[in-house]
Amino acid sequence: MMIYKVYYQVSAKEVPVREKTQTLFLEADSEMDVRLKLKDRDYNIEMVQKLEGKYLEYEQNHENYKLEQL
């Protein structure tokens, strides 16, 4: 399993606006697995990014890091 950072808008009906973009962190097998896990939420997913190495360490040390449990 890998950790992914998901950039999304709260509603799939909203036009993406950078200032309203939310993020969450999720453990999954692949980007497709991330999207499947989130399909029941009404999110407008902008981007799914795999985290590893130094970037993962940076995010884990950041105060906003919280791994979603699905």
N, C-alpha and C. Protein backbone atom coordinates (compact mmCIF):
# COMPACT_ATOMS: atom_id res chain seq x y z
N MET A 1 0.84 -1.19 0.00
CA MET A 1 0.00 0.00 0.00
C MET A 1 0.88 1.24 0.00
N MET A 2 0.40 2.24 -0.69
CA MET A 2 1.09 3.53 -0.78
C MET A 2 0.19 4.61 -0.17
N ILE A 3 0.77 5.77 0.08
CA ILE A 3 -0.01 6.90 0.58
C ILE A 3 -0.16 7.90 -0.56
N TYR A 4 -1.39 8.37 -0.74
CA TYR A 4 -1.71 9.32 -1.80
C TYR A 4 -2.27 10.60 -1.20
N LYS A 5 -1.95 11.71 -1.85
CA LYS A 5 -2.52 13.01 -1.49
C LYS A 5 -3.55 13.34 -2.57
N VAL A 6 -4.77 13.63 -2.13
CA VAL A 6 -5.86 13.90 -3.06
C VAL A 6 -6.25 15.38 -2.95
N TYR A 7 -6.24 16.06 -4.08
CA TYR A 7 -6.69 17.45 -4.17
C TYR A 7 -8.11 17.42 -4.73
N TYR A 8 -9.04 18.08 -4.04
CA TYR A 8 -10.44 17.99 -4.48
C TYR A 8 -11.23 19.24 -4.10
N GLN A 9 -12.37 19.39 -4.76
CA GLN A 9 -13.38 20.37 -4.39
C GLN A 9 -14.47 19.60 -3.65
N VAL A 10 -15.09 20.23 -2.68
CA VAL A 10 -16.07 19.56 -1.83
C VAL A 10 -17.27 19.05 -2.63
N SER A 11 -17.65 19.74 -3.68
CA SER A 11 -18.79 19.33 -4.48
C SER A 11 -18.39 19.09 -5.93
N ALA A 12 -18.88 18.01 -6.50
CA ALA A 12 -18.59 17.71 -7.90
C ALA A 12 -19.26 18.72 -8.83
N LYS A 13 -20.22 19.47 -8.31
CA LYS A 13 -20.92 20.45 -9.12
C LYS A 13 -20.20 21.79 -9.17
N GLU A 14 -19.19 21.98 -8.33
CA GLU A 14 -18.44 23.23 -8.30
C GLU A 14 -17.35 23.24 -9.36
N VAL A 15 -17.13 24.41 -9.90
CA VAL A 15 -16.00 24.61 -10.80
C VAL A 15 -14.75 24.71 -9.91
N PRO A 16 -13.66 24.01 -10.25
CA PRO A 16 -12.46 24.07 -9.42
C PRO A 16 -11.92 25.50 -9.28
N VAL A 17 -11.74 25.90 -8.04
CA VAL A 17 -11.15 27.20 -7.71
C VAL A 17 -10.02 26.90 -6.73
N ARG A 18 -8.83 27.32 -7.07
CA ARG A 18 -7.64 26.99 -6.29
C ARG A 18 -7.80 27.30 -4.80
N GLU A 19 -8.41 28.45 -4.50
CA GLU A 19 -8.57 28.86 -3.11
C GLU A 19 -9.51 27.95 -2.32
N LYS A 20 -10.35 27.19 -2.99
CA LYS A 20 -11.30 26.30 -2.32
C LYS A 20 -10.84 24.84 -2.36
N THR A 21 -9.69 24.58 -2.93
CA THR A 21 -9.19 23.21 -3.02
C THR A 21 -8.87 22.66 -1.64
N GLN A 22 -9.38 21.46 -1.37
CA GLN A 22 -9.12 20.74 -0.13
C GLN A 22 -8.15 19.60 -0.42
N THR A 23 -7.52 19.07 0.61
CA THR A 23 -6.65 17.91 0.44
C THR A 23 -6.96 16.87 1.50
N LEU A 24 -6.69 15.63 1.15
CA LEU A 24 -6.76 14.55 2.12
C LEU A 24 -5.70 13.53 1.76
N PHE A 25 -5.34 12.72 2.74
CA PHE A 25 -4.32 11.70 2.56
C PHE A 25 -4.99 10.34 2.76
N LEU A 26 -4.66 9.41 1.86
CA LEU A 26 -5.34 8.13 1.86
C LEU A 26 -4.36 7.02 1.51
N GLU A 27 -4.48 5.89 2.18
CA GLU A 27 -3.66 4.73 1.87
C GLU A 27 -4.42 3.86 0.87
N ALA A 28 -3.75 3.50 -0.23
CA ALA A 28 -4.40 2.71 -1.29
C ALA A 28 -3.34 1.98 -2.10
N ASP A 29 -3.82 1.06 -2.95
CA ASP A 29 -2.92 0.28 -3.80
C ASP A 29 -2.53 1.02 -5.08
N SER A 30 -3.41 1.91 -5.56
CA SER A 30 -3.15 2.62 -6.81
C SER A 30 -4.03 3.87 -6.87
N GLU A 31 -3.80 4.71 -7.88
CA GLU A 31 -4.65 5.89 -8.07
C GLU A 31 -6.09 5.47 -8.33
N MET A 32 -6.28 4.41 -9.09
CA MET A 32 -7.63 3.94 -9.36
C MET A 32 -8.31 3.47 -8.06
N ASP A 33 -7.57 2.82 -7.20
CA ASP A 33 -8.09 2.39 -5.90
C ASP A 33 -8.52 3.60 -5.07
N VAL A 34 -7.74 4.68 -5.11
CA VAL A 34 -8.10 5.92 -4.40
C VAL A 34 -9.45 6.42 -4.92
N ARG A 35 -9.58 6.50 -6.23
CA ARG A 35 -10.82 7.01 -6.83
C ARG A 35 -12.02 6.10 -6.49
N LEU A 36 -11.79 4.80 -6.47
CA LEU A 36 -12.87 3.87 -6.10
C LEU A 36 -13.29 4.06 -4.64
N LYS A 37 -12.32 4.26 -3.76
CA LYS A 37 -12.63 4.46 -2.35
C LYS A 37 -13.40 5.75 -2.10
N LEU A 38 -13.20 6.75 -2.96
CA LEU A 38 -13.85 8.05 -2.77
C LEU A 38 -15.08 8.25 -3.64
N LYS A 39 -15.46 7.24 -4.43
CA LYS A 39 -16.54 7.42 -5.40
C LYS A 39 -17.89 7.72 -4.76
N ASP A 40 -18.11 7.28 -3.53
CA ASP A 40 -19.40 7.54 -2.87
C ASP A 40 -19.50 8.96 -2.30
N ARG A 41 -18.39 9.68 -2.29
CA ARG A 41 -18.40 11.07 -1.85
C ARG A 41 -18.61 11.95 -3.08
N ASP A 42 -19.23 13.07 -2.89
CA ASP A 42 -19.54 13.97 -4.01
C ASP A 42 -18.39 14.94 -4.27
N TYR A 43 -17.16 14.41 -4.37
CA TYR A 43 -15.98 15.24 -4.56
C TYR A 43 -15.69 15.44 -6.04
N ASN A 44 -15.17 16.61 -6.36
CA ASN A 44 -14.61 16.87 -7.68
C ASN A 44 -13.10 16.70 -7.51
N ILE A 45 -12.60 15.52 -7.82
CA ILE A 45 -11.17 15.22 -7.62
C ILE A 45 -10.37 15.88 -8.73
N GLU A 46 -9.47 16.76 -8.31
CA GLU A 46 -8.62 17.46 -9.26
C GLU A 46 -7.37 16.66 -9.61
N MET A 47 -6.75 16.08 -8.55
CA MET A 47 -5.49 15.37 -8.78
C MET A 47 -5.25 14.38 -7.65
N VAL A 48 -4.65 13.25 -7.99
CA VAL A 48 -4.23 12.25 -7.02
C VAL A 48 -2.72 12.10 -7.18
N GLN A 49 -2.00 12.31 -6.08
CA GLN A 49 -0.54 12.30 -6.15
C GLN A 49 0.02 11.26 -5.18
N LYS A 50 0.85 10.35 -5.69
CA LYS A 50 1.50 9.35 -4.83
C LYS A 50 2.62 10.04 -4.06
N LEU A 51 2.66 9.79 -2.74
CA LEU A 51 3.70 10.37 -1.90
C LEU A 51 4.71 9.31 -1.52
N GLU A 52 5.98 9.67 -1.64
CA GLU A 52 7.04 8.76 -1.24
C GLU A 52 8.31 9.56 -0.95
N GLY A 53 9.23 8.93 -0.26
CA GLY A 53 10.52 9.55 0.03
C GLY A 53 10.42 10.83 0.85
N LYS A 54 11.22 11.81 0.48
CA LYS A 54 11.31 13.08 1.22
C LYS A 54 9.98 13.83 1.22
N TYR A 55 9.22 13.76 0.12
CA TYR A 55 7.94 14.47 0.05
C TYR A 55 6.95 13.87 1.05
N LEU A 56 6.94 12.54 1.18
CA LEU A 56 6.08 11.89 2.17
C LEU A 56 6.50 12.30 3.58
N GLU A 57 7.80 12.30 3.86
CA GLU A 57 8.30 12.71 5.17
C GLU A 57 7.87 14.14 5.48
N TYR A 58 8.00 15.03 4.49
CA TYR A 58 7.60 16.43 4.68
C TYR A 58 6.12 16.51 5.06
N GLU A 59 5.26 15.83 4.31
CA GLU A 59 3.82 15.89 4.56
C GLU A 59 3.48 15.29 5.93
N GLN A 60 4.15 14.20 6.31
CA GLN A 60 3.88 13.56 7.59
C GLN A 60 4.27 14.46 8.76
N ASN A 61 5.23 15.33 8.56
CA ASN A 61 5.67 16.25 9.61
C ASN A 61 4.88 17.55 9.62
N HIS A 62 3.98 17.72 8.68
CA HIS A 62 3.17 18.93 8.57
C HIS A 62 1.94 18.79 9.46
N GLU A 63 1.50 19.87 10.06
CA GLU A 63 0.37 19.81 11.00
C GLU A 63 -0.95 19.40 10.36
N ASN A 64 -1.11 19.56 9.04
CA ASN A 64 -2.36 19.21 8.36
C ASN A 64 -2.43 17.75 7.94
N TYR A 65 -1.38 16.98 8.22
CA TYR A 65 -1.34 15.58 7.79
C TYR A 65 -2.23 14.73 8.70
N LYS A 66 -3.22 14.09 8.10
CA LYS A 66 -4.08 13.15 8.81
C LYS A 66 -4.50 12.09 7.78
N LEU A 67 -4.16 10.87 8.03
CA LEU A 67 -4.48 9.77 7.11
C LEU A 67 -5.93 9.36 7.27
N GLU A 68 -6.71 9.46 6.19
CA GLU A 68 -8.13 9.08 6.19
C GLU A 68 -8.24 7.57 6.36
N GLN A 69 -9.19 7.14 7.14
CA GLN A 69 -9.46 5.71 7.31
C GLN A 69 -10.77 5.36 6.62
N LEU A 70 -10.69 4.65 5.50
CA LEU A 70 -11.88 4.23 4.78
C LEU A 70 -12.03 2.73 4.80
